[in-house]
Protein backbone atom coordinates (compact mmCIF):
# COMPACT_ATOMS: atom_id res chain seq x y z
CA UNK A 1 0.00 0.00 0.00
CA UNK A 2 1.09 3.53 -0.71
CA UNK A 3 2.27 5.78 2.06
CA UNK A 4 0.25 8.71 3.35
CA UNK A 5 1.18 11.88 5.15
CA UNK A 6 0.66 12.29 8.89
CA UNK A 7 0.91 15.74 10.44
CA UNK A 8 0.54 17.01 13.97
CA UNK A 9 1.97 18.97 16.85
CA UNK A 10 3.80 17.96 20.01
CA UNK A 11 3.24 20.15 23.05
CA UNK A 12 4.51 20.38 26.63
CA UNK A 13 1.98 19.01 29.11
CA UNK A 14 2.95 21.63 31.68
CA UNK A 15 2.90 24.77 29.51
CA UNK A 16 0.99 23.82 26.36
CA UNK A 17 3.81 25.23 24.22
CA UNK A 18 5.13 23.45 21.14
CA UNK A 19 8.26 21.37 21.71
CA UNK A 20 11.03 21.75 19.10
CA UNK A 21 13.30 18.84 18.23
CA UNK A 22 11.12 15.99 19.51
CA UNK A 23 12.22 12.71 17.89
CA UNK A 24 9.36 10.81 16.27
CA UNK A 25 9.95 7.32 14.91
CA UNK A 26 7.80 4.51 13.58
CA UNK A 27 8.35 1.72 16.11
CA UNK A 28 10.48 -1.10 14.77
CA UNK A 29 11.86 0.98 11.88
CA UNK A 30 14.47 3.68 11.37
CA UNK A 31 11.92 5.92 9.67
CA UNK A 32 11.10 9.11 11.49
CA UNK A 33 11.36 12.86 11.79
CA UNK A 34 11.68 15.63 14.37
CA UNK A 35 9.44 18.55 15.25
CA UNK A 36 10.18 22.05 13.99
CA UNK A 37 10.59 25.19 16.12
CA UNK A 38 6.84 25.33 16.79
CA UNK A 39 6.49 21.66 17.69
CA UNK A 40 4.93 20.70 14.34
CA UNK A 41 5.84 17.62 12.32
CA UNK A 42 5.07 15.95 9.01
CA UNK A 43 5.89 12.31 8.34
CA UNK A 44 5.28 9.85 5.51
CA UNK A 45 3.67 6.78 7.13
CA UNK A 46 2.39 3.37 5.99
CA UNK A 47 -1.29 2.81 5.28
CA UNK A 48 -1.58 0.08 7.89
CA UNK A 49 -1.77 0.44 11.69
CA UNK A 50 1.56 1.19 13.39
CA UNK A 51 2.98 2.72 16.57
CA UNK A 52 4.73 6.08 16.72
CA UNK A 53 7.30 6.68 19.45
CA UNK A 54 7.78 10.26 20.66
CA UNK A 55 10.97 10.92 22.62
CA UNK A 56 12.43 14.12 24.00
CA UNK A 57 15.15 14.67 26.60
CA UNK A 58 13.63 15.48 29.99
CA UNK A 59 10.21 14.10 29.05
CA UNK A 60 8.54 10.72 29.37
CA UNK A 61 8.57 8.78 26.09
CA UNK A 62 5.15 8.19 24.64
CA UNK A 63 4.01 5.46 22.26
CA UNK A 64 0.84 6.09 20.27
CA UNK A 65 -1.02 3.57 18.13
CA UNK A 66 -1.98 5.09 14.79
CA UNK A 67 -4.83 3.82 12.65
CA UNK A 68 -6.10 5.68 9.61
CA UNK A 69 -5.92 9.25 10.94
CA UNK A 70 -3.95 11.89 9.03
CA UNK A 71 -3.45 14.21 12.01
CA UNK A 72 -2.08 13.34 15.44
CA UNK A 73 -1.35 15.82 18.20
CA UNK A 74 0.59 14.58 21.24
CA UNK A 75 1.19 16.05 24.70
CA UNK A 76 4.46 15.05 26.40
CA UNK A 77 4.78 15.18 30.17
CA UNK A 78 8.00 16.34 31.84
CA UNK A 79 9.80 13.31 33.27
CA UNK A 80 10.42 14.96 36.66
CA UNK A 81 6.67 15.42 37.11
CA UNK A 82 5.97 11.70 36.69
CA UNK A 83 8.74 10.86 39.18
CA UNK A 84 7.16 13.12 41.77
CA UNK A 85 3.85 11.26 41.47
CA UNK A 86 5.39 7.92 42.44
C-alpha atoms as a PDB file:
ATOM      1  CA  UNK A   1       0.000   0.000   0.000  1.00  0.00           C
ATOM      2  CA  UNK A   2       1.090   3.526  -0.713  1.00  0.00           C
ATOM      3  CA  UNK A   3       2.266   5.779   2.062  1.00  0.00           C
ATOM      4  CA  UNK A   4       0.251   8.713   3.346  1.00  0.00           C
ATOM      5  CA  UNK A   5       1.185  11.880   5.153  1.00  0.00           C
ATOM      6  CA  UNK A   6       0.663  12.285   8.887  1.00  0.00           C
ATOM      7  CA  UNK A   7       0.907  15.741  10.444  1.00  0.00           C
ATOM      8  CA  UNK A   8       0.541  17.012  13.967  1.00  0.00           C
ATOM      9  CA  UNK A   9       1.966  18.974  16.849  1.00  0.00           C
ATOM     10  CA  UNK A  10       3.804  17.955  20.012  1.00  0.00           C
ATOM     11  CA  UNK A  11       3.238  20.145  23.050  1.00  0.00           C
ATOM     12  CA  UNK A  12       4.511  20.376  26.626  1.00  0.00           C
ATOM     13  CA  UNK A  13       1.981  19.006  29.108  1.00  0.00           C
ATOM     14  CA  UNK A  14       2.954  21.635  31.678  1.00  0.00           C
ATOM     15  CA  UNK A  15       2.899  24.767  29.514  1.00  0.00           C
ATOM     16  CA  UNK A  16       0.991  23.816  26.363  1.00  0.00           C
ATOM     17  CA  UNK A  17       3.812  25.226  24.223  1.00  0.00           C
ATOM     18  CA  UNK A  18       5.131  23.446  21.145  1.00  0.00           C
ATOM     19  CA  UNK A  19       8.262  21.366  21.713  1.00  0.00           C
ATOM     20  CA  UNK A  20      11.034  21.753  19.098  1.00  0.00           C
ATOM     21  CA  UNK A  21      13.301  18.839  18.231  1.00  0.00           C
ATOM     22  CA  UNK A  22      11.121  15.992  19.507  1.00  0.00           C
ATOM     23  CA  UNK A  23      12.217  12.709  17.888  1.00  0.00           C
ATOM     24  CA  UNK A  24       9.361  10.812  16.266  1.00  0.00           C
ATOM     25  CA  UNK A  25       9.947   7.319  14.910  1.00  0.00           C
ATOM     26  CA  UNK A  26       7.800   4.514  13.577  1.00  0.00           C
ATOM     27  CA  UNK A  27       8.355   1.723  16.114  1.00  0.00           C
ATOM     28  CA  UNK A  28      10.477  -1.104  14.766  1.00  0.00           C
ATOM     29  CA  UNK A  29      11.862   0.977  11.878  1.00  0.00           C
ATOM     30  CA  UNK A  30      14.471   3.680  11.370  1.00  0.00           C
ATOM     31  CA  UNK A  31      11.921   5.921   9.668  1.00  0.00           C
ATOM     32  CA  UNK A  32      11.096   9.105  11.494  1.00  0.00           C
ATOM     33  CA  UNK A  33      11.357  12.855  11.790  1.00  0.00           C
ATOM     34  CA  UNK A  34      11.681  15.626  14.366  1.00  0.00           C
ATOM     35  CA  UNK A  35       9.436  18.548  15.253  1.00  0.00           C
ATOM     36  CA  UNK A  36      10.182  22.054  13.995  1.00  0.00           C
ATOM     37  CA  UNK A  37      10.591  25.195  16.118  1.00  0.00           C
ATOM     38  CA  UNK A  38       6.839  25.330  16.786  1.00  0.00           C
ATOM     39  CA  UNK A  39       6.493  21.656  17.695  1.00  0.00           C
ATOM     40  CA  UNK A  40       4.925  20.705  14.344  1.00  0.00           C
ATOM     41  CA  UNK A  41       5.838  17.625  12.324  1.00  0.00           C
ATOM     42  CA  UNK A  42       5.074  15.953   9.012  1.00  0.00           C
ATOM     43  CA  UNK A  43       5.888  12.310   8.337  1.00  0.00           C
ATOM     44  CA  UNK A  44       5.276   9.846   5.512  1.00  0.00           C
ATOM     45  CA  UNK A  45       3.673   6.784   7.131  1.00  0.00           C
ATOM     46  CA  UNK A  46       2.389   3.373   5.989  1.00  0.00           C
ATOM     47  CA  UNK A  47      -1.294   2.810   5.278  1.00  0.00           C
ATOM     48  CA  UNK A  48      -1.580   0.081   7.895  1.00  0.00           C
ATOM     49  CA  UNK A  49      -1.769   0.438  11.686  1.00  0.00           C
ATOM     50  CA  UNK A  50       1.565   1.188  13.389  1.00  0.00           C
ATOM     51  CA  UNK A  51       2.978   2.718  16.568  1.00  0.00           C
ATOM     52  CA  UNK A  52       4.729   6.078  16.724  1.00  0.00           C
ATOM     53  CA  UNK A  53       7.301   6.677  19.450  1.00  0.00           C
ATOM     54  CA  UNK A  54       7.779  10.262  20.659  1.00  0.00           C
ATOM     55  CA  UNK A  55      10.969  10.916  22.617  1.00  0.00           C
ATOM     56  CA  UNK A  56      12.432  14.116  24.000  1.00  0.00           C
ATOM     57  CA  UNK A  57      15.149  14.666  26.600  1.00  0.00           C
ATOM     58  CA  UNK A  58      13.626  15.485  29.993  1.00  0.00           C
ATOM     59  CA  UNK A  59      10.205  14.104  29.050  1.00  0.00           C
ATOM     60  CA  UNK A  60       8.538  10.722  29.372  1.00  0.00           C
ATOM     61  CA  UNK A  61       8.572   8.777  26.087  1.00  0.00           C
ATOM     62  CA  UNK A  62       5.146   8.194  24.636  1.00  0.00           C
ATOM     63  CA  UNK A  63       4.008   5.456  22.260  1.00  0.00           C
ATOM     64  CA  UNK A  64       0.845   6.093  20.269  1.00  0.00           C
ATOM     65  CA  UNK A  65      -1.022   3.566  18.132  1.00  0.00           C
ATOM     66  CA  UNK A  66      -1.982   5.089  14.790  1.00  0.00           C
ATOM     67  CA  UNK A  67      -4.832   3.822  12.648  1.00  0.00           C
ATOM     68  CA  UNK A  68      -6.102   5.685   9.606  1.00  0.00           C
ATOM     69  CA  UNK A  69      -5.922   9.246  10.938  1.00  0.00           C
ATOM     70  CA  UNK A  70      -3.950  11.885   9.034  1.00  0.00           C
ATOM     71  CA  UNK A  71      -3.452  14.208  12.007  1.00  0.00           C
ATOM     72  CA  UNK A  72      -2.083  13.342  15.437  1.00  0.00           C
ATOM     73  CA  UNK A  73      -1.349  15.821  18.205  1.00  0.00           C
ATOM     74  CA  UNK A  74       0.586  14.581  21.237  1.00  0.00           C
ATOM     75  CA  UNK A  75       1.187  16.048  24.697  1.00  0.00           C
ATOM     76  CA  UNK A  76       4.458  15.046  26.395  1.00  0.00           C
ATOM     77  CA  UNK A  77       4.782  15.176  30.174  1.00  0.00           C
ATOM     78  CA  UNK A  78       8.004  16.345  31.837  1.00  0.00           C
ATOM     79  CA  UNK A  79       9.803  13.310  33.267  1.00  0.00           C
ATOM     80  CA  UNK A  80      10.418  14.961  36.660  1.00  0.00           C
ATOM     81  CA  UNK A  81       6.671  15.419  37.107  1.00  0.00           C
ATOM     82  CA  UNK A  82       5.972  11.704  36.691  1.00  0.00           C
ATOM     83  CA  UNK A  83       8.742  10.859  39.180  1.00  0.00           C
ATOM     84  CA  UNK A  84       7.162  13.119  41.773  1.00  0.00           C
ATOM     85  CA  UNK A  85       3.846  11.261  41.466  1.00  0.00           C
ATOM     86  CA  UNK A  86       5.390   7.921  42.442  1.00  0.00           C
END
